[in-house]
Amino acid sequence: MDEEFTRDLNILKGEFDKEKREIDMSHNMEKRELIDMIDTFDEETKERLDALKEAFNNDWERIKNENVEELESMKHELVKKIEDLDTNFEQNFNKYLSETETWS
């Protein structure tokens, strides 16, 4: 009876160890698959994020350049207006001087 018990125990132990190894192997394979999926997701997310950052930087540069161009245009317009006002002032001042000289 003791031998039969030991033999049955060894059989059960062997079957248990075999099943445990299979479960461990299955677990490790599933774990690797999940890690691969996570890595793939991380890579795709990083690529999308990089693309969004690049698009943002391109738009930012474009807008900045447009603003610089607009500011330069406005600056030139103001300089032209100042020159026109200065010329107008000089003409009117000279006209005033010439008119007041004749009165003296």
C-alpha atoms as a PDB file:
ATOM      1  CA  MET A   1       0.000   0.000   0.000  1.00  0.00           C
ATOM      2  CA  ASP A   2       2.836   2.376   0.809  1.00  0.00           C
ATOM      3  CA  GLU A   3       4.465   1.618  -2.559  1.00  0.00           C
ATOM      4  CA  GLU A   4       1.214   2.206  -4.383  1.00  0.00           C
ATOM      5  CA  PHE A   5       0.744   5.520  -2.560  1.00  0.00           C
ATOM      6  CA  THR A   6       4.314   6.606  -3.383  1.00  0.00           C
ATOM      7  CA  ARG A   7       3.857   5.592  -7.032  1.00  0.00           C
ATOM      8  CA  ASP A   8       0.526   7.484  -7.267  1.00  0.00           C
ATOM      9  CA  LEU A   9       2.112  10.459  -5.501  1.00  0.00           C
ATOM     10  CA  ASN A  10       5.015  10.473  -7.980  1.00  0.00           C
ATOM     11  CA  ILE A  11       2.582  10.232 -10.924  1.00  0.00           C
ATOM     12  CA  LEU A  12       0.494  13.120  -9.575  1.00  0.00           C
ATOM     13  CA  LYS A  13       3.631  15.109  -8.825  1.00  0.00           C
ATOM     14  CA  GLY A  14       4.927  14.528 -12.353  1.00  0.00           C
ATOM     15  CA  GLU A  15       1.604  15.525 -13.883  1.00  0.00           C
ATOM     16  CA  PHE A  16       1.481  18.586 -11.636  1.00  0.00           C
ATOM     17  CA  ASP A  17       5.041  19.626 -12.562  1.00  0.00           C
ATOM     18  CA  LYS A  18       4.276  19.099 -16.273  1.00  0.00           C
ATOM     19  CA  GLU A  19       1.099  21.183 -16.027  1.00  0.00           C
ATOM     20  CA  LYS A  20       2.953  23.840 -14.034  1.00  0.00           C
ATOM     21  CA  ARG A  21       5.655  24.063 -16.739  1.00  0.00           C
ATOM     22  CA  GLU A  22       2.978  24.343 -19.444  1.00  0.00           C
ATOM     23  CA  ILE A  23       1.210  27.099 -17.501  1.00  0.00           C
ATOM     24  CA  ASP A  24       4.522  28.900 -16.924  1.00  0.00           C
ATOM     25  CA  MET A  25       5.402  28.619 -20.624  1.00  0.00           C
ATOM     26  CA  SER A  26       1.940  29.838 -21.643  1.00  0.00           C
ATOM     27  CA  HIS A  27       2.175  32.708 -19.158  1.00  0.00           C
ATOM     28  CA  ASN A  28       5.618  33.706 -20.427  1.00  0.00           C
ATOM     29  CA  MET A  29       4.438  33.609 -24.059  1.00  0.00           C
ATOM     30  CA  GLU A  30       1.382  35.735 -23.268  1.00  0.00           C
ATOM     31  CA  LYS A  31       3.547  38.097 -21.249  1.00  0.00           C
ATOM     32  CA  ARG A  32       5.965  38.491 -24.199  1.00  0.00           C
ATOM     33  CA  GLU A  33       3.050  39.088 -26.566  1.00  0.00           C
ATOM     34  CA  LEU A  34       1.636  41.772 -24.267  1.00  0.00           C
ATOM     35  CA  ILE A  35       5.040  43.418 -23.891  1.00  0.00           C
ATOM     36  CA  ASP A  36       5.405  43.413 -27.685  1.00  0.00           C
ATOM     37  CA  MET A  37       1.940  44.956 -28.024  1.00  0.00           C
ATOM     38  CA  ILE A  38       2.797  47.641 -25.479  1.00  0.00           C
ATOM     39  CA  ASP A  39       6.105  48.369 -27.231  1.00  0.00           C
ATOM     40  CA  THR A  40       4.312  48.633 -30.575  1.00  0.00           C
ATOM     41  CA  PHE A  41       1.716  50.951 -29.071  1.00  0.00           C
ATOM     42  CA  ASP A  42       4.467  53.083 -27.494  1.00  0.00           C
ATOM     43  CA  GLU A  43       6.305  53.336 -30.820  1.00  0.00           C
ATOM     44  CA  GLU A  44       3.142  54.277 -32.710  1.00  0.00           C
ATOM     45  CA  THR A  45       2.226  56.832 -30.059  1.00  0.00           C
ATOM     46  CA  LYS A  46       5.722  58.322 -30.165  1.00  0.00           C
ATOM     47  CA  GLU A  47       5.574  58.541 -33.969  1.00  0.00           C
ATOM     48  CA  ARG A  48       2.191  60.278 -33.804  1.00  0.00           C
ATOM     49  CA  LEU A  49       3.439  62.631 -31.111  1.00  0.00           C
ATOM     50  CA  ASP A  50       6.564  63.443 -33.126  1.00  0.00           C
ATOM     51  CA  ALA A  51       4.416  64.147 -36.198  1.00  0.00           C
ATOM     52  CA  LEU A  52       2.149  66.428 -34.161  1.00  0.00           C
ATOM     53  CA  LYS A  53       5.141  68.257 -32.694  1.00  0.00           C
ATOM     54  CA  GLU A  54       6.620  68.734 -36.150  1.00  0.00           C
ATOM     55  CA  ALA A  55       3.306  70.036 -37.510  1.00  0.00           C
ATOM     56  CA  PHE A  56       3.007  72.402 -34.548  1.00  0.00           C
ATOM     57  CA  ASN A  57       6.556  73.687 -35.023  1.00  0.00           C
ATOM     58  CA  ASN A  58       5.981  74.173 -38.756  1.00  0.00           C
ATOM     59  CA  ASP A  59       2.758  76.079 -38.133  1.00  0.00           C
ATOM     60  CA  TRP A  60       4.416  78.146 -35.414  1.00  0.00           C
ATOM     61  CA  GLU A  61       7.308  79.085 -37.735  1.00  0.00           C
ATOM     62  CA  ARG A  62       4.912  79.928 -40.568  1.00  0.00           C
ATOM     63  CA  ILE A  63       2.781  82.135 -38.326  1.00  0.00           C
ATOM     64  CA  LYS A  64       5.859  83.786 -36.856  1.00  0.00           C
ATOM     65  CA  ASN A  65       7.197  84.548 -40.321  1.00  0.00           C
ATOM     66  CA  GLU A  66       3.824  85.907 -41.427  1.00  0.00           C
ATOM     67  CA  ASN A  67       3.746  88.150 -38.371  1.00  0.00           C
ATOM     68  CA  VAL A  68       7.280  89.387 -39.036  1.00  0.00           C
ATOM     69  CA  GLU A  69       6.356  90.165 -42.634  1.00  0.00           C
ATOM     70  CA  GLU A  70       3.212  91.954 -41.523  1.00  0.00           C
ATOM     71  CA  LEU A  71       5.139  93.969 -38.929  1.00  0.00           C
ATOM     72  CA  GLU A  72       7.748  94.944 -41.508  1.00  0.00           C
ATOM     73  CA  SER A  73       5.015  96.034 -43.908  1.00  0.00           C
ATOM     74  CA  MET A  74       3.346  98.115 -41.204  1.00  0.00           C
ATOM     75  CA  LYS A  75       6.701  99.639 -40.258  1.00  0.00           C
ATOM     76  CA  HIS A  76       7.334 100.688 -43.860  1.00  0.00           C
ATOM     77  CA  GLU A  77       3.825 102.173 -44.097  1.00  0.00           C
ATOM     78  CA  LEU A  78       4.402 104.173 -40.903  1.00  0.00           C
ATOM     79  CA  VAL A  79       7.781 105.407 -42.090  1.00  0.00           C
ATOM     80  CA  LYS A  80       6.172 106.497 -45.384  1.00  0.00           C
ATOM     81  CA  LYS A  81       3.385 108.319 -43.493  1.00  0.00           C
ATOM     82  CA  ILE A  82       5.931 110.042 -41.256  1.00  0.00           C
ATOM     83  CA  GLU A  83       7.925 111.130 -44.287  1.00  0.00           C
ATOM     84  CA  ASP A  84       4.754 112.419 -45.974  1.00  0.00           C
ATOM     85  CA  LEU A  85       3.758 114.308 -42.825  1.00  0.00           C
ATOM     86  CA  ASP A  86       7.264 115.724 -42.499  1.00  0.00           C
ATOM     87  CA  THR A  87       7.226 116.847 -46.128  1.00  0.00           C
ATOM     88  CA  ASN A  88       3.765 118.371 -45.695  1.00  0.00           C
ATOM     89  CA  PHE A  89       4.896 120.137 -42.530  1.00  0.00           C
ATOM     90  CA  GLU A  90       8.007 121.512 -44.258  1.00  0.00           C
ATOM     91  CA  GLN A  91       5.924 122.800 -47.175  1.00  0.00           C
ATOM     92  CA  ASN A  92       3.372 124.447 -44.923  1.00  0.00           C
ATOM     93  CA  PHE A  93       6.057 125.894 -42.699  1.00  0.00           C
ATOM     94  CA  ASN A  94       7.918 127.340 -45.693  1.00  0.00           C
ATOM     95  CA  LYS A  95       4.624 128.707 -47.036  1.00  0.00           C
ATOM     96  CA  TYR A  96       3.929 130.272 -43.658  1.00  0.00           C
ATOM     97  CA  LEU A  97       7.402 131.820 -43.562  1.00  0.00           C
ATOM     98  CA  SER A  98       7.068 133.229 -47.049  1.00  0.00           C
ATOM     99  CA  GLU A  99       3.622 134.667 -46.292  1.00  0.00           C
ATOM    100  CA  THR A 100       4.728 136.234 -43.028  1.00  0.00           C
ATOM    101  CA  GLU A 101       7.852 137.730 -44.638  1.00  0.00           C
ATOM    102  CA  THR A 102       5.741 139.694 -47.048  1.00  0.00           C
ATOM    103  CA  TRP A 103       3.819 141.217 -44.144  1.00  0.00           C
ATOM    104  CA  SER A 104       6.940 142.490 -42.467  1.00  0.00           C
END
